[in-house]
Amino acid sequence: MALELTAANFEETINSGKPVLVDFWAAWCGPCRMVGPLVDELSTEYAETAHVGKVDVDSNQDIAAKYGVRNIPTILFFKNGEVVDKSVGAVPKAQLAEKLDALV
């Protein structure tokens, strides 16, 4: 299961030294519900090498605004606390895994 990221743990997670995949989503978003299970699977598969988390944009609007998230689902890839890649919309799991593989 992906980490639930909030203002309390977001900065610590993206600066952990491991690559981080962050799914920006909302409960009312249809495409988000399609991507969510894929993100959870990646969380399990990359448990040793990366952090995989989710940010509920309704509850954490400040984080979404800081990273310019205007459409959801948006998936940002962090390395050393910096955004290094991005994916917007419902995308296949293989595409997300490929982007994460490039960072580990």
N, C-alpha and C. Protein backbone atom coordinates (compact mmCIF):
# COMPACT_ATOMS: atom_id res chain seq x y z
N MET A 1 0.85 -1.19 0.00
CA MET A 1 0.00 0.00 0.00
C MET A 1 0.89 1.24 0.00
N ALA A 2 0.54 2.19 -0.82
CA ALA A 2 1.32 3.42 -0.92
C ALA A 2 1.19 4.24 0.37
N LEU A 3 2.22 5.01 0.67
CA LEU A 3 2.21 5.88 1.84
C LEU A 3 1.21 7.01 1.64
N GLU A 4 0.51 7.38 2.68
CA GLU A 4 -0.34 8.56 2.62
C GLU A 4 0.54 9.75 2.98
N LEU A 5 0.73 10.64 2.01
CA LEU A 5 1.60 11.79 2.23
C LEU A 5 0.76 13.02 2.56
N THR A 6 1.22 13.75 3.58
CA THR A 6 0.55 14.97 4.03
C THR A 6 1.63 16.01 4.31
N ALA A 7 1.22 17.18 4.73
CA ALA A 7 2.20 18.22 5.07
C ALA A 7 3.15 17.74 6.16
N ALA A 8 2.69 16.83 7.01
CA ALA A 8 3.51 16.35 8.13
C ALA A 8 4.67 15.46 7.70
N ASN A 9 4.54 14.75 6.57
CA ASN A 9 5.61 13.81 6.20
C ASN A 9 6.11 13.96 4.77
N PHE A 10 5.57 14.91 4.01
CA PHE A 10 5.92 15.03 2.60
C PHE A 10 7.40 15.35 2.39
N GLU A 11 7.88 16.43 3.01
CA GLU A 11 9.27 16.86 2.82
C GLU A 11 10.26 15.80 3.27
N GLU A 12 9.98 15.18 4.40
CA GLU A 12 10.86 14.12 4.92
C GLU A 12 10.94 12.96 3.92
N THR A 13 9.81 12.61 3.32
CA THR A 13 9.77 11.49 2.38
C THR A 13 10.53 11.80 1.11
N ILE A 14 10.30 12.97 0.52
CA ILE A 14 10.98 13.26 -0.77
C ILE A 14 12.47 13.52 -0.60
N ASN A 15 12.89 13.80 0.63
CA ASN A 15 14.31 14.03 0.90
C ASN A 15 14.96 12.84 1.60
N SER A 16 14.38 11.66 1.46
CA SER A 16 14.84 10.48 2.19
C SER A 16 16.11 9.85 1.61
N GLY A 17 16.50 10.26 0.40
CA GLY A 17 17.65 9.63 -0.24
C GLY A 17 17.25 8.57 -1.25
N LYS A 18 16.02 8.08 -1.15
CA LYS A 18 15.50 7.13 -2.14
C LYS A 18 14.68 7.89 -3.19
N PRO A 19 14.59 7.33 -4.40
CA PRO A 19 13.67 7.92 -5.37
C PRO A 19 12.24 7.82 -4.82
N VAL A 20 11.39 8.77 -5.21
CA VAL A 20 10.02 8.80 -4.71
C VAL A 20 9.04 9.03 -5.86
N LEU A 21 8.00 8.20 -5.91
CA LEU A 21 6.88 8.39 -6.83
C LEU A 21 5.74 8.93 -5.98
N VAL A 22 5.16 10.07 -6.40
CA VAL A 22 4.03 10.65 -5.67
C VAL A 22 2.84 10.80 -6.60
N ASP A 23 1.75 10.15 -6.23
CA ASP A 23 0.50 10.21 -6.98
C ASP A 23 -0.39 11.28 -6.35
N PHE A 24 -0.68 12.34 -7.12
CA PHE A 24 -1.61 13.37 -6.68
C PHE A 24 -2.99 12.97 -7.20
N TRP A 25 -3.95 12.77 -6.29
CA TRP A 25 -5.24 12.20 -6.64
C TRP A 25 -6.36 12.82 -5.80
N ALA A 26 -7.60 12.43 -6.14
CA ALA A 26 -8.78 12.79 -5.34
C ALA A 26 -9.80 11.67 -5.45
N ALA A 27 -10.59 11.50 -4.41
CA ALA A 27 -11.56 10.40 -4.35
C ALA A 27 -12.61 10.50 -5.45
N TRP A 28 -12.96 11.71 -5.88
CA TRP A 28 -14.01 11.91 -6.88
C TRP A 28 -13.51 11.78 -8.32
N CYS A 29 -12.22 11.53 -8.50
CA CYS A 29 -11.59 11.51 -9.83
C CYS A 29 -11.58 10.09 -10.41
N GLY A 30 -12.32 9.87 -11.49
CA GLY A 30 -12.39 8.56 -12.12
C GLY A 30 -11.04 8.01 -12.56
N PRO A 31 -10.27 8.77 -13.35
CA PRO A 31 -8.95 8.28 -13.76
C PRO A 31 -8.03 7.99 -12.58
N CYS A 32 -8.19 8.75 -11.49
CA CYS A 32 -7.38 8.50 -10.28
C CYS A 32 -7.68 7.11 -9.72
N ARG A 33 -8.94 6.71 -9.78
CA ARG A 33 -9.32 5.39 -9.27
C ARG A 33 -8.77 4.28 -10.15
N MET A 34 -8.49 4.59 -11.42
CA MET A 34 -7.87 3.61 -12.31
C MET A 34 -6.38 3.46 -12.00
N VAL A 35 -5.72 4.57 -11.72
CA VAL A 35 -4.28 4.58 -11.48
C VAL A 35 -3.93 4.13 -10.06
N GLY A 36 -4.80 4.39 -9.10
CA GLY A 36 -4.53 4.08 -7.70
C GLY A 36 -4.05 2.66 -7.43
N PRO A 37 -4.75 1.64 -7.94
CA PRO A 37 -4.29 0.27 -7.69
C PRO A 37 -2.91 -0.02 -8.30
N LEU A 38 -2.61 0.63 -9.42
CA LEU A 38 -1.29 0.45 -10.04
C LEU A 38 -0.20 1.03 -9.15
N VAL A 39 -0.49 2.19 -8.57
CA VAL A 39 0.46 2.83 -7.65
C VAL A 39 0.68 1.95 -6.43
N ASP A 40 -0.40 1.34 -5.92
CA ASP A 40 -0.28 0.44 -4.77
C ASP A 40 0.59 -0.77 -5.11
N GLU A 41 0.43 -1.31 -6.33
CA GLU A 41 1.26 -2.44 -6.76
C GLU A 41 2.73 -2.02 -6.84
N LEU A 42 2.99 -0.84 -7.39
CA LEU A 42 4.37 -0.36 -7.48
C LEU A 42 4.97 -0.17 -6.09
N SER A 43 4.15 0.26 -5.14
CA SER A 43 4.62 0.44 -3.77
C SER A 43 5.17 -0.86 -3.22
N THR A 44 4.47 -1.95 -3.48
CA THR A 44 4.91 -3.26 -3.02
C THR A 44 6.16 -3.72 -3.77
N GLU A 45 6.15 -3.54 -5.09
CA GLU A 45 7.26 -4.01 -5.92
C GLU A 45 8.56 -3.25 -5.68
N TYR A 46 8.46 -1.98 -5.33
CA TYR A 46 9.65 -1.15 -5.14
C TYR A 46 9.91 -0.84 -3.67
N ALA A 47 9.34 -1.63 -2.77
CA ALA A 47 9.44 -1.36 -1.33
C ALA A 47 10.88 -1.21 -0.85
N GLU A 48 11.81 -1.95 -1.45
CA GLU A 48 13.20 -1.90 -1.01
C GLU A 48 13.99 -0.74 -1.62
N THR A 49 13.57 -0.27 -2.79
CA THR A 49 14.42 0.67 -3.53
C THR A 49 13.85 2.08 -3.68
N ALA A 50 12.56 2.26 -3.41
CA ALA A 50 11.94 3.58 -3.60
C ALA A 50 10.76 3.75 -2.65
N HIS A 51 10.36 4.99 -2.47
CA HIS A 51 9.13 5.29 -1.72
C HIS A 51 8.04 5.57 -2.75
N VAL A 52 6.85 5.08 -2.49
CA VAL A 52 5.70 5.34 -3.35
C VAL A 52 4.59 5.87 -2.45
N GLY A 53 4.11 7.06 -2.77
CA GLY A 53 3.10 7.68 -1.92
C GLY A 53 2.01 8.36 -2.70
N LYS A 54 0.96 8.76 -1.97
CA LYS A 54 -0.19 9.42 -2.57
C LYS A 54 -0.50 10.69 -1.78
N VAL A 55 -0.85 11.74 -2.51
CA VAL A 55 -1.28 12.99 -1.90
C VAL A 55 -2.72 13.24 -2.33
N ASP A 56 -3.65 13.29 -1.36
CA ASP A 56 -5.04 13.64 -1.63
C ASP A 56 -5.07 15.17 -1.82
N VAL A 57 -5.34 15.61 -3.05
CA VAL A 57 -5.26 17.05 -3.34
C VAL A 57 -6.34 17.85 -2.62
N ASP A 58 -7.46 17.24 -2.28
CA ASP A 58 -8.50 17.96 -1.55
C ASP A 58 -8.06 18.27 -0.12
N SER A 59 -7.31 17.36 0.48
CA SER A 59 -6.86 17.55 1.87
C SER A 59 -5.51 18.27 1.96
N ASN A 60 -4.76 18.29 0.85
CA ASN A 60 -3.40 18.86 0.86
C ASN A 60 -3.20 19.81 -0.31
N GLN A 61 -4.06 20.80 -0.39
CA GLN A 61 -4.02 21.73 -1.51
C GLN A 61 -2.71 22.51 -1.57
N ASP A 62 -2.09 22.74 -0.42
CA ASP A 62 -0.84 23.48 -0.38
C ASP A 62 0.29 22.73 -1.10
N ILE A 63 0.34 21.41 -0.92
CA ILE A 63 1.38 20.61 -1.58
C ILE A 63 1.13 20.60 -3.08
N ALA A 64 -0.12 20.39 -3.49
CA ALA A 64 -0.47 20.37 -4.91
C ALA A 64 -0.12 21.71 -5.55
N ALA A 65 -0.43 22.80 -4.88
CA ALA A 65 -0.15 24.13 -5.43
C ALA A 65 1.36 24.37 -5.55
N LYS A 66 2.12 23.93 -4.55
CA LYS A 66 3.57 24.13 -4.57
C LYS A 66 4.21 23.49 -5.81
N TYR A 67 3.67 22.36 -6.24
CA TYR A 67 4.24 21.65 -7.38
C TYR A 67 3.45 21.86 -8.67
N GLY A 68 2.53 22.82 -8.66
CA GLY A 68 1.82 23.19 -9.88
C GLY A 68 0.90 22.10 -10.41
N VAL A 69 0.37 21.28 -9.53
CA VAL A 69 -0.54 20.21 -9.96
C VAL A 69 -1.90 20.83 -10.27
N ARG A 70 -2.26 20.81 -11.55
CA ARG A 70 -3.52 21.39 -11.99
C ARG A 70 -4.50 20.33 -12.51
N ASN A 71 -3.97 19.22 -12.94
CA ASN A 71 -4.79 18.11 -13.43
C ASN A 71 -4.44 16.87 -12.62
N ILE A 72 -5.45 16.04 -12.39
CA ILE A 72 -5.18 14.79 -11.69
C ILE A 72 -5.76 13.63 -12.49
N PRO A 73 -5.16 12.47 -12.40
CA PRO A 73 -3.97 12.19 -11.60
C PRO A 73 -2.70 12.77 -12.23
N THR A 74 -1.86 13.33 -11.39
CA THR A 74 -0.51 13.73 -11.77
C THR A 74 0.43 12.93 -10.89
N ILE A 75 1.42 12.33 -11.53
CA ILE A 75 2.42 11.57 -10.79
C ILE A 75 3.76 12.26 -10.98
N LEU A 76 4.36 12.65 -9.87
CA LEU A 76 5.67 13.29 -9.90
C LEU A 76 6.70 12.31 -9.37
N PHE A 77 7.88 12.35 -9.99
CA PHE A 77 9.00 11.50 -9.59
C PHE A 77 10.07 12.40 -9.01
N PHE A 78 10.49 12.11 -7.79
CA PHE A 78 11.49 12.92 -7.08
C PHE A 78 12.78 12.13 -6.91
N LYS A 79 13.87 12.84 -7.00
CA LYS A 79 15.17 12.28 -6.64
C LYS A 79 15.92 13.38 -5.90
N ASN A 80 16.40 13.07 -4.71
CA ASN A 80 17.09 14.03 -3.86
C ASN A 80 16.26 15.29 -3.63
N GLY A 81 14.95 15.09 -3.45
CA GLY A 81 14.06 16.20 -3.13
C GLY A 81 13.61 17.04 -4.30
N GLU A 82 14.08 16.73 -5.50
CA GLU A 82 13.74 17.52 -6.69
C GLU A 82 12.88 16.72 -7.65
N VAL A 83 11.93 17.39 -8.30
CA VAL A 83 11.11 16.74 -9.32
C VAL A 83 12.00 16.48 -10.54
N VAL A 84 12.07 15.22 -10.97
CA VAL A 84 12.91 14.87 -12.12
C VAL A 84 12.10 14.29 -13.27
N ASP A 85 10.84 13.95 -13.03
CA ASP A 85 9.98 13.44 -14.10
C ASP A 85 8.54 13.61 -13.68
N LYS A 86 7.63 13.46 -14.66
CA LYS A 86 6.22 13.72 -14.40
C LYS A 86 5.37 12.92 -15.37
N SER A 87 4.20 12.53 -14.91
CA SER A 87 3.23 11.86 -15.76
C SER A 87 1.85 12.40 -15.40
N VAL A 88 1.06 12.77 -16.41
CA VAL A 88 -0.26 13.34 -16.16
C VAL A 88 -1.30 12.45 -16.84
N GLY A 89 -2.37 12.15 -16.11
CA GLY A 89 -3.45 11.33 -16.65
C GLY A 89 -3.27 9.87 -16.33
N ALA A 90 -4.25 9.08 -16.75
CA ALA A 90 -4.20 7.63 -16.53
C ALA A 90 -3.21 7.02 -17.51
N VAL A 91 -2.18 6.42 -16.98
CA VAL A 91 -1.13 5.81 -17.81
C VAL A 91 -0.92 4.36 -17.38
N PRO A 92 -0.37 3.54 -18.27
CA PRO A 92 -0.13 2.14 -17.92
C PRO A 92 0.93 1.99 -16.83
N LYS A 93 0.79 0.94 -16.06
CA LYS A 93 1.75 0.65 -14.99
C LYS A 93 3.17 0.54 -15.54
N ALA A 94 3.32 -0.07 -16.71
CA ALA A 94 4.65 -0.24 -17.29
C ALA A 94 5.35 1.10 -17.51
N GLN A 95 4.59 2.11 -17.88
CA GLN A 95 5.17 3.44 -18.10
C GLN A 95 5.66 4.04 -16.78
N LEU A 96 4.90 3.86 -15.72
CA LEU A 96 5.31 4.36 -14.41
C LEU A 96 6.53 3.59 -13.91
N ALA A 97 6.54 2.28 -14.10
CA ALA A 97 7.67 1.45 -13.66
C ALA A 97 8.94 1.84 -14.41
N GLU A 98 8.81 2.13 -15.70
CA GLU A 98 9.97 2.53 -16.50
C GLU A 98 10.58 3.82 -15.97
N LYS A 99 9.73 4.79 -15.63
CA LYS A 99 10.22 6.07 -15.09
C LYS A 99 10.88 5.86 -13.73
N LEU A 100 10.30 4.99 -12.91
CA LEU A 100 10.87 4.71 -11.59
C LEU A 100 12.18 3.95 -11.72
N ASP A 101 12.23 3.00 -12.65
CA ASP A 101 13.46 2.23 -12.88
C ASP A 101 14.64 3.14 -13.25
N ALA A 102 14.36 4.21 -13.98
CA ALA A 102 15.41 5.14 -14.39
C ALA A 102 16.02 5.86 -13.21
N LEU A 103 15.33 5.88 -12.07
CA LEU A 103 15.80 6.61 -10.90
C LEU A 103 16.46 5.73 -9.84
N VAL A 104 16.19 4.43 -9.87
CA VAL A 104 16.74 3.56 -8.81
C VAL A 104 18.11 3.02 -9.18
